[in-house]
Amino acid sequence: MASSSPSSGSSTANQIIPPINNDDSEIGAAGTASPMPTMNKVMSSVANLAQLMPTGTVLTYQALAPSFTNYGKCETSNQWLTTALVAVLASACLFFSFTDSVVGRRDGKLYYGFATLRGFNVFNLSSEEEKQEWNDLNQFRRLRVQPLDFMHAFFTAVVFLTMAFSDVGLQNCFFPDGSRNTQQLLKNLPLGMAFLFSFVFIIFPTKRKGIGFNDTTPHIHD
């Protein structure tokens, strides 16, 4: 009886097995360039641009303006209502520019407050309650109002006002006899102002994380 050929076993044994690379993570880490710190800063500013711009107040105005202006067919009462609406929302733009957030030392909750020239005042908390929640209130001094806050507040309010005055209902209400040049200016000015101030917000980003910011990383955690 013929003996079985060992060729099949040797061929199986001689099969080439691809080497296993245990350094895939190292190659991936070496092949991927880490982002530059400057690029990270710019991209972070761009991501927060929608929050820096008066998006919420503009949407609120667009929701209420058609009714308040009666779709451009204004009576005296409509003019007063529209004026009050614009004034309140412009004031809201200024107010929100000075808000910020902190984290409580004991409960770990997020608290919002308003920056002042002296420091920071937490909403709905008295001075005694603030002392109980945070041992050292001197740390609030670094959250006090800075010159950059006034610049952001001014630009935010101006952007909102240009957006509001570009509304056709408001134009027909307050400028019914406006020339074509005036209409074209009010139509195109908001786009230019928003584009210009976007660069200002990116170049000079605010460090405040107040009401309306999605990034709730705390400033203070004692």
Protein backbone atom coordinates (compact mmCIF):
# COMPACT_ATOMS: atom_id res chain seq x y z
CA MET A 1 0.00 0.00 0.00
CA ALA A 2 1.47 3.33 -1.10
CA SER A 3 2.42 5.73 1.61
CA SER A 4 0.67 9.08 1.66
CA SER A 5 2.64 11.98 0.27
CA PRO A 6 3.78 14.53 2.85
CA SER A 7 3.49 17.29 0.31
CA SER A 8 0.09 18.37 1.56
CA GLY A 9 1.33 18.78 5.11
CA SER A 10 4.47 20.54 4.08
CA SER A 11 2.56 22.90 1.81
CA THR A 12 0.27 23.80 4.66
CA ALA A 13 3.19 24.35 6.96
CA ASN A 14 4.97 26.45 4.37
CA GLN A 15 2.05 28.81 3.87
CA ILE A 16 3.05 32.43 4.33
CA ILE A 17 1.29 34.02 7.26
CA PRO A 18 1.21 37.85 7.08
CA PRO A 19 2.93 39.42 10.04
CA ILE A 20 0.75 41.04 12.64
CA ASN A 21 1.63 44.65 13.19
CA ASN A 22 1.24 45.57 16.83
CA ASP A 23 2.32 49.13 16.23
CA ASP A 24 -0.74 50.29 14.29
CA SER A 25 -1.54 52.82 16.96
CA GLU A 26 1.96 54.19 16.84
CA ILE A 27 1.88 54.47 13.05
CA GLY A 28 -1.50 56.17 13.15
CA ALA A 29 -0.31 58.55 15.80
CA ALA A 30 2.87 59.30 13.89
CA GLY A 31 1.06 59.68 10.57
CA THR A 32 -1.56 62.06 11.89
CA ALA A 33 -0.31 65.53 12.45
CA SER A 34 -1.54 67.16 15.60
CA PRO A 35 -3.53 70.34 14.96
CA MET A 36 -1.76 73.61 15.54
CA PRO A 37 -2.76 75.59 18.65
CA THR A 38 -3.52 78.64 16.51
CA MET A 39 -5.85 76.63 14.29
CA ASN A 40 -7.62 75.22 17.34
CA LYS A 41 -8.19 78.72 18.64
CA VAL A 42 -9.57 79.94 15.33
CA MET A 43 -11.87 76.94 14.90
CA SER A 44 -13.13 77.35 18.45
CA SER A 45 -13.97 80.98 17.73
CA VAL A 46 -15.77 80.03 14.53
CA ALA A 47 -17.77 77.37 16.36
CA ASN A 48 -18.92 79.93 18.93
CA LEU A 49 -19.68 82.58 16.32
CA ALA A 50 -23.37 81.72 16.20
CA GLN A 51 -23.48 82.18 19.96
CA LEU A 52 -21.59 85.46 19.86
CA MET A 53 -23.93 86.86 17.24
CA PRO A 54 -27.41 87.95 18.42
CA THR A 55 -29.06 84.86 16.94
CA GLY A 56 -31.69 84.44 19.64
CA THR A 57 -32.80 88.06 19.66
CA VAL A 58 -33.00 88.16 15.86
CA LEU A 59 -35.18 85.04 15.80
CA THR A 60 -37.38 86.53 18.51
CA TYR A 61 -37.76 89.72 16.52
CA GLN A 62 -38.59 87.83 13.33
CA ALA A 63 -41.27 85.89 15.19
CA LEU A 64 -42.95 88.95 16.72
CA ALA A 65 -42.32 91.69 14.15
CA PRO A 66 -44.97 90.68 11.57
CA SER A 67 -47.71 90.99 14.16
CA PHE A 68 -46.30 94.10 15.83
CA THR A 69 -45.84 95.96 12.52
CA ASN A 70 -49.11 94.63 11.10
CA TYR A 71 -47.11 93.47 8.06
CA GLY A 72 -46.06 97.04 7.30
CA LYS A 73 -49.53 98.57 7.54
CA CYS A 74 -48.78 100.46 10.74
CA GLU A 75 -51.03 102.45 12.95
CA THR A 76 -49.64 104.60 15.76
CA SER A 77 -50.05 101.73 18.22
CA ASN A 78 -48.04 99.45 15.91
CA GLN A 79 -45.22 101.96 15.79
CA TRP A 80 -45.09 102.15 19.58
CA LEU A 81 -45.17 98.37 19.92
CA THR A 82 -42.41 97.92 17.33
CA THR A 83 -40.26 100.59 18.96
CA ALA A 84 -40.63 98.90 22.35
CA LEU A 85 -39.82 95.49 20.83
CA VAL A 86 -36.62 96.76 19.20
CA ALA A 87 -35.56 98.59 22.36
CA VAL A 88 -36.14 95.57 24.62
CA LEU A 89 -34.30 93.15 22.35
CA ALA A 90 -31.39 95.55 21.84
CA SER A 91 -31.14 95.88 25.63
CA ALA A 92 -31.16 92.08 25.87
CA CYS A 93 -28.17 91.95 23.51
CA LEU A 94 -26.29 94.31 25.81
CA PHE A 95 -27.32 92.41 28.93
CA PHE A 96 -26.35 88.94 27.71
CA SER A 97 -22.90 90.20 26.72
CA PHE A 98 -22.07 90.66 30.42
CA THR A 99 -23.42 87.33 31.70
CA ASP A 100 -21.16 84.47 32.73
CA SER A 101 -21.29 81.13 34.55
CA VAL A 102 -19.62 79.49 37.53
CA VAL A 103 -19.87 76.08 39.21
CA GLY A 104 -20.87 75.71 42.84
CA ARG A 105 -18.26 74.31 45.22
CA ARG A 106 -20.66 72.16 47.24
CA ASP A 107 -23.40 71.04 44.86
CA GLY A 108 -21.49 71.21 41.56
CA LYS A 109 -24.37 73.01 39.87
CA LEU A 110 -23.95 75.62 37.17
CA TYR A 111 -24.83 79.16 38.23
CA TYR A 112 -25.30 82.16 35.97
CA GLY A 113 -24.56 85.70 36.93
CA PHE A 114 -23.78 89.23 35.78
CA ALA A 115 -20.32 90.75 35.61
CA THR A 116 -19.83 94.13 37.28
CA LEU A 117 -16.95 96.55 37.65
CA ARG A 118 -16.14 95.02 41.05
CA GLY A 119 -16.60 91.36 40.33
CA PHE A 120 -19.46 88.96 39.67
CA ASN A 121 -23.00 88.68 41.04
CA VAL A 122 -24.74 85.31 40.87
CA PHE A 123 -28.44 85.40 40.01
CA ASN A 124 -30.90 84.49 42.78
CA LEU A 125 -28.19 84.26 45.44
CA SER A 126 -27.58 86.76 48.22
CA SER A 127 -24.11 87.75 49.41
CA GLU A 128 -24.36 85.34 52.35
CA GLU A 129 -25.39 82.46 50.12
CA GLU A 130 -22.48 83.20 47.80
CA LYS A 131 -20.08 83.07 50.75
CA GLN A 132 -21.51 79.71 51.81
CA GLU A 133 -21.20 78.26 48.31
CA TRP A 134 -17.76 79.67 47.55
CA ASN A 135 -15.16 80.10 50.27
CA ASP A 136 -13.14 82.82 48.58
CA LEU A 137 -15.19 85.41 46.72
CA ASN A 138 -12.01 87.21 45.66
CA GLN A 139 -11.84 84.70 42.81
CA PHE A 140 -14.84 86.48 41.31
CA ARG A 141 -12.67 89.51 40.64
CA ARG A 142 -11.23 87.95 37.52
CA LEU A 143 -14.78 87.73 36.14
CA ARG A 144 -15.32 91.47 36.47
CA VAL A 145 -16.15 93.63 33.45
CA GLN A 146 -13.35 94.03 30.93
CA PRO A 147 -13.03 96.56 28.07
CA LEU A 148 -13.56 93.70 25.61
CA ASP A 149 -17.04 93.16 27.05
CA PHE A 150 -18.12 96.67 26.06
CA MET A 151 -16.84 96.15 22.53
CA HIS A 152 -18.73 92.87 22.17
CA ALA A 153 -21.89 94.39 23.64
CA PHE A 154 -21.74 97.34 21.26
CA PHE A 155 -21.13 95.23 18.16
CA THR A 156 -23.82 92.72 19.13
CA ALA A 157 -26.40 95.48 19.58
CA VAL A 158 -25.43 97.13 16.27
CA VAL A 159 -25.74 93.82 14.41
CA PHE A 160 -29.20 93.28 15.87
CA LEU A 161 -30.34 96.81 15.00
CA THR A 162 -29.18 96.47 11.40
CA MET A 163 -30.99 93.16 11.14
CA ALA A 164 -34.15 94.68 12.60
CA PHE A 165 -34.12 97.70 10.30
CA SER A 166 -33.72 95.44 7.28
CA ASP A 167 -37.19 94.02 7.98
CA VAL A 168 -39.62 95.06 5.26
CA GLY A 169 -42.47 95.49 7.72
CA LEU A 170 -40.44 97.90 9.86
CA GLN A 171 -39.31 99.82 6.78
CA ASN A 172 -42.89 100.24 5.57
CA CYS A 173 -43.93 101.20 9.08
CA PHE A 174 -41.31 103.89 9.76
CA PHE A 175 -40.03 104.76 6.27
CA PRO A 176 -43.06 104.50 3.99
CA ASP A 177 -41.77 107.23 1.68
CA GLY A 178 -38.14 106.12 1.64
CA SER A 179 -36.25 106.44 -1.61
CA ARG A 180 -34.89 103.47 -3.53
CA ASN A 181 -31.40 104.30 -2.29
CA THR A 182 -32.61 104.12 1.30
CA GLN A 183 -34.31 100.80 0.66
CA GLN A 184 -31.20 99.35 -0.95
CA LEU A 185 -29.06 100.56 1.96
CA LEU A 186 -31.35 99.01 4.56
CA LYS A 187 -31.49 95.82 2.51
CA ASN A 188 -27.75 95.28 2.08
CA LEU A 189 -26.36 96.91 5.23
CA PRO A 190 -27.12 93.98 7.57
CA LEU A 191 -25.18 91.53 5.40
CA GLY A 192 -22.12 93.76 5.34
CA MET A 193 -22.31 94.54 9.06
CA ALA A 194 -22.68 90.88 10.02
CA PHE A 195 -19.75 89.93 7.78
CA LEU A 196 -17.53 92.67 9.24
CA PHE A 197 -18.38 92.00 12.87
CA SER A 198 -17.88 88.27 12.36
CA PHE A 199 -14.21 88.98 11.78
CA VAL A 200 -14.12 91.17 14.89
CA PHE A 201 -15.64 88.38 17.02
CA ILE A 202 -13.18 85.84 15.62
CA ILE A 203 -10.11 88.04 16.12
CA PHE A 204 -11.20 89.21 19.58
CA PRO A 205 -13.15 86.25 21.05
CA THR A 206 -14.82 86.62 24.41
CA LYS A 207 -13.99 84.22 27.23
CA ARG A 208 -17.41 84.57 28.82
CA LYS A 209 -19.78 81.61 28.80
CA GLY A 210 -23.03 83.16 29.75
CA ILE A 211 -26.67 82.50 29.04
CA GLY A 212 -27.13 80.88 25.65
CA PHE A 213 -23.72 79.20 25.39
CA ASN A 214 -23.67 75.45 24.79
CA ASP A 215 -20.15 75.07 26.12
CA THR A 216 -20.77 75.14 29.87
CA THR A 217 -17.19 74.43 30.92
CA PRO A 218 -16.92 76.30 34.23
CA HIS A 219 -14.61 79.19 34.90
CA ILE A 220 -14.47 78.68 38.65
CA HIS A 221 -14.61 75.39 40.52
CA ASP A 222 -13.27 75.77 44.05
